[in-house]
Amino acid sequence: MKIYKYKNKSNVIGPIIRNARINMDLTQESLAIKMQLENVEMSQKIISRIEKQERFVTDYELLTLLKILKLNTSDLVELLEANEK
C-alpha cells in the first residue's frame, strides 16, 4: 500500500499529539502503555515517529490517542487550523 505525504510529512497531527502529551505530563512510553491498554499496539518508538511526523496515523489510532489525551474532534480541527496559520 502506498502512503502519500502531505507537505512532505506523513501526518499533520504529530505536534498536536506531542503538545497534548506533554500538557498531561505523559512520557512517550506511558502514552504507548495507555494505547496498549486500549488494545492498540503501539511502542514508544512509534509515538516518537508520529510526533516527528514520520509515521502515518490510522483512524483507530487517532481516535484512541484523542480519547487518552482528552481531546475531541472539534479540538483537533481547531488546533490543526491554528497550526496552519
PDB file of N, CA and C in Angstrom:
ATOM      1  N   MET A   1       0.840  -1.167   0.000  1.00  0.00           N
ATOM      2  CA  MET A   1       0.000   0.000   0.000  1.00  0.00           C
ATOM      3  C   MET A   1       0.892   1.239   0.000  1.00  0.00           C
ATOM      4  N   LYS A   2       0.594   2.160  -0.873  1.00  0.00           N
ATOM      5  CA  LYS A   2       1.366   3.401  -0.949  1.00  0.00           C
ATOM      6  C   LYS A   2       0.792   4.402   0.036  1.00  0.00           C
ATOM      7  N   ILE A   3       1.655   4.963   0.846  1.00  0.00           N
ATOM      8  CA  ILE A   3       1.270   6.010   1.780  1.00  0.00           C
ATOM      9  C   ILE A   3       1.730   7.342   1.200  1.00  0.00           C
ATOM     10  N   TYR A   4       0.808   8.247   1.016  1.00  0.00           N
ATOM     11  CA  TYR A   4       1.123   9.549   0.450  1.00  0.00           C
ATOM     12  C   TYR A   4       1.484  10.536   1.557  1.00  0.00           C
ATOM     13  N   LYS A   5       2.277  11.505   1.194  1.00  0.00           N
ATOM     14  CA  LYS A   5       2.689  12.528   2.151  1.00  0.00           C
ATOM     15  C   LYS A   5       2.025  13.846   1.799  1.00  0.00           C
ATOM     16  N   TYR A   6       1.821  14.664   2.824  1.00  0.00           N
ATOM     17  CA  TYR A   6       1.270  15.999   2.675  1.00  0.00           C
ATOM     18  C   TYR A   6       2.336  16.974   3.143  1.00  0.00           C
ATOM     19  N   LYS A   7       2.778  17.835   2.247  1.00  0.00           N
ATOM     20  CA  LYS A   7       3.864  18.779   2.549  1.00  0.00           C
ATOM     21  C   LYS A   7       5.075  18.042   3.110  1.00  0.00           C
ATOM     22  N   ASN A   8       5.351  16.888   2.522  1.00  0.00           N
ATOM     23  CA  ASN A   8       6.494  16.043   2.874  1.00  0.00           C
ATOM     24  C   ASN A   8       6.430  15.481   4.300  1.00  0.00           C
ATOM     25  N   LYS A   9       5.233  15.414   4.863  1.00  0.00           N
ATOM     26  CA  LYS A   9       5.026  14.856   6.201  1.00  0.00           C
ATOM     27  C   LYS A   9       4.053  13.695   6.098  1.00  0.00           C
ATOM     28  N   SER A  10       4.199  12.732   7.006  1.00  0.00           N
ATOM     29  CA  SER A  10       3.313  11.570   6.998  1.00  0.00           C
ATOM     30  C   SER A  10       2.019  11.811   7.765  1.00  0.00           C
ATOM     31  N   ASN A  11       1.969  12.852   8.588  1.00  0.00           N
ATOM     32  CA  ASN A  11       0.735  13.213   9.281  1.00  0.00           C
ATOM     33  C   ASN A  11       0.791  14.700   9.616  1.00  0.00           C
ATOM     34  N   VAL A  12      -0.342  15.262   9.989  1.00  0.00           N
ATOM     35  CA  VAL A  12      -0.385  16.670  10.384  1.00  0.00           C
ATOM     36  C   VAL A  12      -0.634  16.825  11.880  1.00  0.00           C
ATOM     37  N   ILE A  13      -0.841  15.722  12.586  1.00  0.00           N
ATOM     38  CA  ILE A  13      -1.219  15.804  13.989  1.00  0.00           C
ATOM     39  C   ILE A  13      -0.072  15.565  14.967  1.00  0.00           C
ATOM     40  N   GLY A  14       1.100  15.227  14.465  1.00  0.00           N
ATOM     41  CA  GLY A  14       2.229  14.928  15.343  1.00  0.00           C
ATOM     42  C   GLY A  14       2.505  15.982  16.395  1.00  0.00           C
ATOM     43  N   PRO A  15       2.637  17.254  16.010  1.00  0.00           N
ATOM     44  CA  PRO A  15       2.901  18.292  17.014  1.00  0.00           C
ATOM     45  C   PRO A  15       1.756  18.458  18.022  1.00  0.00           C
ATOM     46  N   ILE A  16       0.535  18.245  17.576  1.00  0.00           N
ATOM     47  CA  ILE A  16      -0.620  18.347  18.480  1.00  0.00           C
ATOM     48  C   ILE A  16      -0.585  17.220  19.501  1.00  0.00           C
ATOM     49  N   ILE A  17      -0.282  16.021  19.046  1.00  0.00           N
ATOM     50  CA  ILE A  17      -0.165  14.875  19.954  1.00  0.00           C
ATOM     51  C   ILE A  17       0.940  15.143  20.971  1.00  0.00           C
ATOM     52  N   ARG A  18       2.073  15.632  20.496  1.00  0.00           N
ATOM     53  CA  ARG A  18       3.204  15.906  21.394  1.00  0.00           C
ATOM     54  C   ARG A  18       2.823  16.935  22.454  1.00  0.00           C
ATOM     55  N   ASN A  19       2.222  18.057  22.045  1.00  0.00           N
ATOM     56  CA  ASN A  19       1.840  19.102  22.998  1.00  0.00           C
ATOM     57  C   ASN A  19       0.813  18.597  24.004  1.00  0.00           C
ATOM     58  N   ALA A  20      -0.171  17.851  23.540  1.00  0.00           N
ATOM     59  CA  ALA A  20      -1.193  17.321  24.450  1.00  0.00           C
ATOM     60  C   ALA A  20      -0.575  16.330  25.428  1.00  0.00           C
ATOM     61  N   ARG A  21       0.331  15.498  24.948  1.00  0.00           N
ATOM     62  CA  ARG A  21       1.003  14.521  25.816  1.00  0.00           C
ATOM     63  C   ARG A  21       1.807  15.238  26.894  1.00  0.00           C
ATOM     64  N   ILE A  22       2.562  16.243  26.498  1.00  0.00           N
ATOM     65  CA  ILE A  22       3.381  16.996  27.448  1.00  0.00           C
ATOM     66  C   ILE A  22       2.499  17.732  28.460  1.00  0.00           C
ATOM     67  N   ASN A  23       1.395  18.317  27.980  1.00  0.00           N
ATOM     68  CA  ASN A  23       0.475  19.011  28.879  1.00  0.00           C
ATOM     69  C   ASN A  23      -0.135  18.083  29.919  1.00  0.00           C
ATOM     70  N   MET A  24      -0.224  16.806  29.596  1.00  0.00           N
ATOM     71  CA  MET A  24      -0.755  15.821  30.547  1.00  0.00           C
ATOM     72  C   MET A  24       0.364  15.169  31.367  1.00  0.00           C
ATOM     73  N   ASP A  25       1.582  15.648  31.211  1.00  0.00           N
ATOM     74  CA  ASP A  25       2.750  15.092  31.912  1.00  0.00           C
ATOM     75  C   ASP A  25       2.929  13.604  31.641  1.00  0.00           C
ATOM     76  N   LEU A  26       2.721  13.215  30.386  1.00  0.00           N
ATOM     77  CA  LEU A  26       2.930  11.826  29.982  1.00  0.00           C
ATOM     78  C   LEU A  26       4.238  11.712  29.203  1.00  0.00           C
ATOM     79  N   THR A  27       4.967  10.650  29.437  1.00  0.00           N
ATOM     80  CA  THR A  27       6.120  10.341  28.599  1.00  0.00           C
ATOM     81  C   THR A  27       5.609   9.607  27.364  1.00  0.00           C
ATOM     82  N   GLN A  28       6.462   9.492  26.366  1.00  0.00           N
ATOM     83  CA  GLN A  28       6.090   8.698  25.200  1.00  0.00           C
ATOM     84  C   GLN A  28       5.826   7.257  25.616  1.00  0.00           C
ATOM     85  N   GLU A  29       6.633   6.753  26.522  1.00  0.00           N
ATOM     86  CA  GLU A  29       6.466   5.376  26.993  1.00  0.00           C
ATOM     87  C   GLU A  29       5.126   5.199  27.703  1.00  0.00           C
ATOM     88  N   SER A  30       4.758   6.135  28.567  1.00  0.00           N
ATOM     89  CA  SER A  30       3.487   5.994  29.290  1.00  0.00           C
ATOM     90  C   SER A  30       2.293   6.118  28.344  1.00  0.00           C
ATOM     91  N   LEU A  31       2.411   6.964  27.319  1.00  0.00           N
ATOM     92  CA  LEU A  31       1.341   7.060  26.324  1.00  0.00           C
ATOM     93  C   LEU A  31       1.234   5.747  25.557  1.00  0.00           C
ATOM     94  N   ALA A  32       2.361   5.166  25.199  1.00  0.00           N
ATOM     95  CA  ALA A  32       2.346   3.875  24.493  1.00  0.00           C
ATOM     96  C   ALA A  32       1.673   2.800  25.347  1.00  0.00           C
ATOM     97  N   ILE A  33       1.951   2.790  26.639  1.00  0.00           N
ATOM     98  CA  ILE A  33       1.330   1.812  27.537  1.00  0.00           C
ATOM     99  C   ILE A  33      -0.176   2.021  27.586  1.00  0.00           C
ATOM    100  N   LYS A  34      -0.605   3.280  27.675  1.00  0.00           N
ATOM    101  CA  LYS A  34      -2.044   3.573  27.686  1.00  0.00           C
ATOM    102  C   LYS A  34      -2.702   3.123  26.382  1.00  0.00           C
ATOM    103  N   MET A  35      -2.008   3.286  25.274  1.00  0.00           N
ATOM    104  CA  MET A  35      -2.535   2.821  23.988  1.00  0.00           C
ATOM    105  C   MET A  35      -2.688   1.300  24.002  1.00  0.00           C
ATOM    106  N   GLN A  36      -1.691   0.611  24.524  1.00  0.00           N
ATOM    107  CA  GLN A  36      -1.740  -0.847  24.590  1.00  0.00           C
ATOM    108  C   GLN A  36      -2.883  -1.318  25.488  1.00  0.00           C
ATOM    109  N   LEU A  37      -3.150  -0.585  26.570  1.00  0.00           N
ATOM    110  CA  LEU A  37      -4.270  -0.933  27.449  1.00  0.00           C
ATOM    111  C   LEU A  37      -5.613  -0.762  26.749  1.00  0.00           C
ATOM    112  N   GLU A  38      -5.628   0.054  25.698  1.00  0.00           N
ATOM    113  CA  GLU A  38      -6.827   0.243  24.865  1.00  0.00           C
ATOM    114  C   GLU A  38      -6.828  -0.715  23.667  1.00  0.00           C
ATOM    115  N   ASN A  39      -5.928  -1.708  23.700  1.00  0.00           N
ATOM    116  CA  ASN A  39      -5.812  -2.724  22.644  1.00  0.00           C
ATOM    117  C   ASN A  39      -5.330  -2.169  21.307  1.00  0.00           C
ATOM    118  N   VAL A  40      -4.530  -1.118  21.364  1.00  0.00           N
ATOM    119  CA  VAL A  40      -3.893  -0.576  20.161  1.00  0.00           C
ATOM    120  C   VAL A  40      -2.395  -0.777  20.347  1.00  0.00           C
ATOM    121  N   GLU A  41      -1.818  -1.612  19.525  1.00  0.00           N
ATOM    122  CA  GLU A  41      -0.393  -1.933  19.636  1.00  0.00           C
ATOM    123  C   GLU A  41       0.438  -0.729  19.215  1.00  0.00           C
ATOM    124  N   MET A  42       1.179  -0.182  20.186  1.00  0.00           N
ATOM    125  CA  MET A  42       1.996   0.988  19.916  1.00  0.00           C
ATOM    126  C   MET A  42       3.160   0.991  20.897  1.00  0.00           C
ATOM    127  N   SER A  43       4.312   1.382  20.400  1.00  0.00           N
ATOM    128  CA  SER A  43       5.506   1.442  21.237  1.00  0.00           C
ATOM    129  C   SER A  43       5.946   2.905  21.393  1.00  0.00           C
ATOM    130  N   GLN A  44       6.911   3.122  22.271  1.00  0.00           N
ATOM    131  CA  GLN A  44       7.471   4.467  22.448  1.00  0.00           C
ATOM    132  C   GLN A  44       8.063   4.959  21.137  1.00  0.00           C
ATOM    133  N   LYS A  45       8.704   4.063  20.413  1.00  0.00           N
ATOM    134  CA  LYS A  45       9.325   4.434  19.132  1.00  0.00           C
ATOM    135  C   LYS A  45       8.274   4.902  18.120  1.00  0.00           C
ATOM    136  N   ILE A  46       7.130   4.244  18.109  1.00  0.00           N
ATOM    137  CA  ILE A  46       6.055   4.644  17.191  1.00  0.00           C
ATOM    138  C   ILE A  46       5.524   6.019  17.578  1.00  0.00           C
ATOM    139  N   ILE A  47       5.331   6.258  18.887  1.00  0.00           N
ATOM    140  CA  ILE A  47       4.881   7.574  19.346  1.00  0.00           C
ATOM    141  C   ILE A  47       5.878   8.647  18.891  1.00  0.00           C
ATOM    142  N   SER A  48       7.151   8.360  19.041  1.00  0.00           N
ATOM    143  CA  SER A  48       8.193   9.300  18.624  1.00  0.00           C
ATOM    144  C   SER A  48       8.081   9.607  17.134  1.00  0.00           C
ATOM    145  N   ARG A  49       7.915   8.588  16.329  1.00  0.00           N
ATOM    146  CA  ARG A  49       7.819   8.782  14.874  1.00  0.00           C
ATOM    147  C   ARG A  49       6.556   9.554  14.487  1.00  0.00           C
ATOM    148  N   ILE A  50       5.454   9.308  15.206  1.00  0.00           N
ATOM    149  CA  ILE A  50       4.220  10.066  14.955  1.00  0.00           C
ATOM    150  C   ILE A  50       4.454  11.531  15.281  1.00  0.00           C
ATOM    151  N   GLU A  51       5.034  11.798  16.449  1.00  0.00           N
ATOM    152  CA  GLU A  51       5.268  13.183  16.858  1.00  0.00           C
ATOM    153  C   GLU A  51       6.215  13.912  15.907  1.00  0.00           C
ATOM    154  N   LYS A  52       7.159  13.195  15.319  1.00  0.00           N
ATOM    155  CA  LYS A  52       8.087  13.814  14.347  1.00  0.00           C
ATOM    156  C   LYS A  52       7.489  13.834  12.945  1.00  0.00           C
ATOM    157  N   GLN A  53       6.252  13.404  12.816  1.00  0.00           N
ATOM    158  CA  GLN A  53       5.511  13.375  11.553  1.00  0.00           C
ATOM    159  C   GLN A  53       6.155  12.462  10.520  1.00  0.00           C
ATOM    160  N   GLU A  54       6.777  11.407  10.984  1.00  0.00           N
ATOM    161  CA  GLU A  54       7.428  10.437  10.107  1.00  0.00           C
ATOM    162  C   GLU A  54       6.563   9.208   9.856  1.00  0.00           C
ATOM    163  N   ARG A  55       5.483   9.059  10.611  1.00  0.00           N
ATOM    164  CA  ARG A  55       4.652   7.864  10.504  1.00  0.00           C
ATOM    165  C   ARG A  55       3.195   8.250  10.313  1.00  0.00           C
ATOM    166  N   PHE A  56       2.540   7.538   9.414  1.00  0.00           N
ATOM    167  CA  PHE A  56       1.113   7.679   9.169  1.00  0.00           C
ATOM    168  C   PHE A  56       0.343   7.247  10.422  1.00  0.00           C
ATOM    169  N   VAL A  57      -0.795   7.883  10.686  1.00  0.00           N
ATOM    170  CA  VAL A  57      -1.639   7.519  11.829  1.00  0.00           C
ATOM    171  C   VAL A  57      -2.967   7.003  11.293  1.00  0.00           C
ATOM    172  N   THR A  58      -3.323   5.784  11.709  1.00  0.00           N
ATOM    173  CA  THR A  58      -4.592   5.217  11.247  1.00  0.00           C
ATOM    174  C   THR A  58      -5.753   5.861  11.992  1.00  0.00           C
ATOM    175  N   ASP A  59      -6.953   5.672  11.462  1.00  0.00           N
ATOM    176  CA  ASP A  59      -8.131   6.269  12.091  1.00  0.00           C
ATOM    177  C   ASP A  59      -8.352   5.740  13.507  1.00  0.00           C
ATOM    178  N   TYR A  60      -8.199   4.441  13.714  1.00  0.00           N
ATOM    179  CA  TYR A  60      -8.432   3.901  15.061  1.00  0.00           C
ATOM    180  C   TYR A  60      -7.332   4.347  16.029  1.00  0.00           C
ATOM    181  N   GLU A  61      -6.116   4.533  15.542  1.00  0.00           N
ATOM    182  CA  GLU A  61      -5.057   5.064  16.403  1.00  0.00           C
ATOM    183  C   GLU A  61      -5.378   6.502  16.808  1.00  0.00           C
ATOM    184  N   LEU A  62      -5.826   7.290  15.837  1.00  0.00           N
ATOM    185  CA  LEU A  62      -6.168   8.688  16.104  1.00  0.00           C
ATOM    186  C   LEU A  62      -7.284   8.781  17.135  1.00  0.00           C
ATOM    187  N   LEU A  63      -8.334   8.000  16.965  1.00  0.00           N
ATOM    188  CA  LEU A  63      -9.446   8.041  17.912  1.00  0.00           C
ATOM    189  C   LEU A  63      -8.998   7.656  19.315  1.00  0.00           C
ATOM    190  N   THR A  64      -8.127   6.673  19.420  1.00  0.00           N
ATOM    191  CA  THR A  64      -7.635   6.245  20.730  1.00  0.00           C
ATOM    192  C   THR A  64      -6.721   7.295  21.332  1.00  0.00           C
ATOM    193  N   LEU A  65      -5.859   7.890  20.520  1.00  0.00           N
ATOM    194  CA  LEU A  65      -5.000   8.974  21.013  1.00  0.00           C
ATOM    195  C   LEU A  65      -5.838  10.139  21.536  1.00  0.00           C
ATOM    196  N   LEU A  66      -6.870  10.520  20.791  1.00  0.00           N
ATOM    197  CA  LEU A  66      -7.729  11.617  21.225  1.00  0.00           C
ATOM    198  C   LEU A  66      -8.410  11.284  22.544  1.00  0.00           C
ATOM    199  N   LYS A  67      -8.869  10.053  22.685  1.00  0.00           N
ATOM    200  CA  LYS A  67      -9.523   9.619  23.924  1.00  0.00           C
ATOM    201  C   LYS A  67      -8.559   9.728  25.106  1.00  0.00           C
ATOM    202  N   ILE A  68      -7.371   9.180  24.952  1.00  0.00           N
ATOM    203  CA  ILE A  68      -6.383   9.184  26.040  1.00  0.00           C
ATOM    204  C   ILE A  68      -5.947  10.609  26.379  1.00  0.00           C
ATOM    205  N   LEU A  69      -5.761  11.425  25.371  1.00  0.00           N
ATOM    206  CA  LEU A  69      -5.278  12.792  25.577  1.00  0.00           C
ATOM    207  C   LEU A  69      -6.400  13.789  25.883  1.00  0.00           C
ATOM    208  N   LYS A  70      -7.615  13.242  26.016  1.00  0.00           N
ATOM    209  CA  LYS A  70      -8.790  14.049  26.382  1.00  0.00           C
ATOM    210  C   LYS A  70      -9.034  15.206  25.412  1.00  0.00           C
ATOM    211  N   LEU A  71      -8.907  14.891  24.136  1.00  0.00           N
ATOM    212  CA  LEU A  71      -9.222  15.838  23.069  1.00  0.00           C
ATOM    213  C   LEU A  71     -10.420  15.298  22.310  1.00  0.00           C
ATOM    214  N   ASN A  72     -11.227  16.180  21.752  1.00  0.00           N
ATOM    215  CA  ASN A  72     -12.293  15.713  20.873  1.00  0.00           C
ATOM    216  C   ASN A  72     -12.003  16.183  19.457  1.00  0.00           C
ATOM    217  N   THR A  73     -12.810  15.760  18.526  1.00  0.00           N
ATOM    218  CA  THR A  73     -12.520  16.088  17.130  1.00  0.00           C
ATOM    219  C   THR A  73     -12.604  17.589  16.876  1.00  0.00           C
ATOM    220  N   SER A  74     -13.481  18.290  17.594  1.00  0.00           N
ATOM    221  CA  SER A  74     -13.569  19.749  17.442  1.00  0.00           C
ATOM    222  C   SER A  74     -12.270  20.414  17.892  1.00  0.00           C
ATOM    223  N   ASP A  75     -11.728  19.929  19.023  1.00  0.00           N
ATOM    224  CA  ASP A  75     -10.433  20.448  19.497  1.00  0.00           C
ATOM    225  C   ASP A  75      -9.371  20.226  18.438  1.00  0.00           C
ATOM    226  N   LEU A  76      -9.369  19.043  17.865  1.00  0.00           N
ATOM    227  CA  LEU A  76      -8.360  18.688  16.861  1.00  0.00           C
ATOM    228  C   LEU A  76      -8.439  19.607  15.650  1.00  0.00           C
ATOM    229  N   VAL A  77      -9.646  19.838  15.161  1.00  0.00           N
ATOM    230  CA  VAL A  77      -9.820  20.714  13.993  1.00  0.00           C
ATOM    231  C   VAL A  77      -9.332  22.127  14.309  1.00  0.00           C
ATOM    232  N   GLU A  78      -9.696  22.644  15.490  1.00  0.00           N
ATOM    233  CA  GLU A  78      -9.249  23.990  15.876  1.00  0.00           C
ATOM    234  C   GLU A  78      -7.728  24.068  15.966  1.00  0.00           C
ATOM    235  N   LEU A  79      -7.098  23.049  16.562  1.00  0.00           N
ATOM    236  CA  LEU A  79      -5.647  23.042  16.689  1.00  0.00           C
ATOM    237  C   LEU A  79      -4.969  22.925  15.329  1.00  0.00           C
ATOM    238  N   LEU A  80      -5.538  22.116  14.447  1.00  0.00           N
ATOM    239  CA  LEU A  80      -4.974  21.992  13.097  1.00  0.00           C
ATOM    240  C   LEU A  80      -5.073  23.312  12.351  1.00  0.00           C
ATOM    241  N   GLU A  81      -6.214  23.980  12.468  1.00  0.00           N
ATOM    242  CA  GLU A  81      -6.386  25.274  11.795  1.00  0.00           C
ATOM    243  C   GLU A  81      -5.407  26.300  12.363  1.00  0.00           C
ATOM    244  N   ALA A  82      -5.208  26.299  13.657  1.00  0.00           N
ATOM    245  CA  ALA A  82      -4.275  27.243  14.291  1.00  0.00           C
ATOM    246  C   ALA A  82      -2.848  26.968  13.835  1.00  0.00           C
ATOM    247  N   ASN A  83      -2.486  25.707  13.655  1.00  0.00           N
ATOM    248  CA  ASN A  83      -1.144  25.358  13.208  1.00  0.00           C
ATOM    249  C   ASN A  83      -0.896  25.734  11.753  1.00  0.00           C
ATOM    250  N   GLU A  84      -1.941  25.843  10.968  1.00  0.00           N
ATOM    251  CA  GLU A  84      -1.809  26.203   9.547  1.00  0.00           C
ATOM    252  C   GLU A  84      -1.508  27.680   9.371  1.00  0.00           C
ATOM    253  N   LYS A  85      -1.803  28.489  10.381  1.00  0.00           N
ATOM    254  CA  LYS A  85      -1.613  29.945  10.258  1.00  0.00           C
ATOM    255  C   LYS A  85      -0.196  30.341  10.492  1.00  0.00           C
TER     256      LYS A  85
END
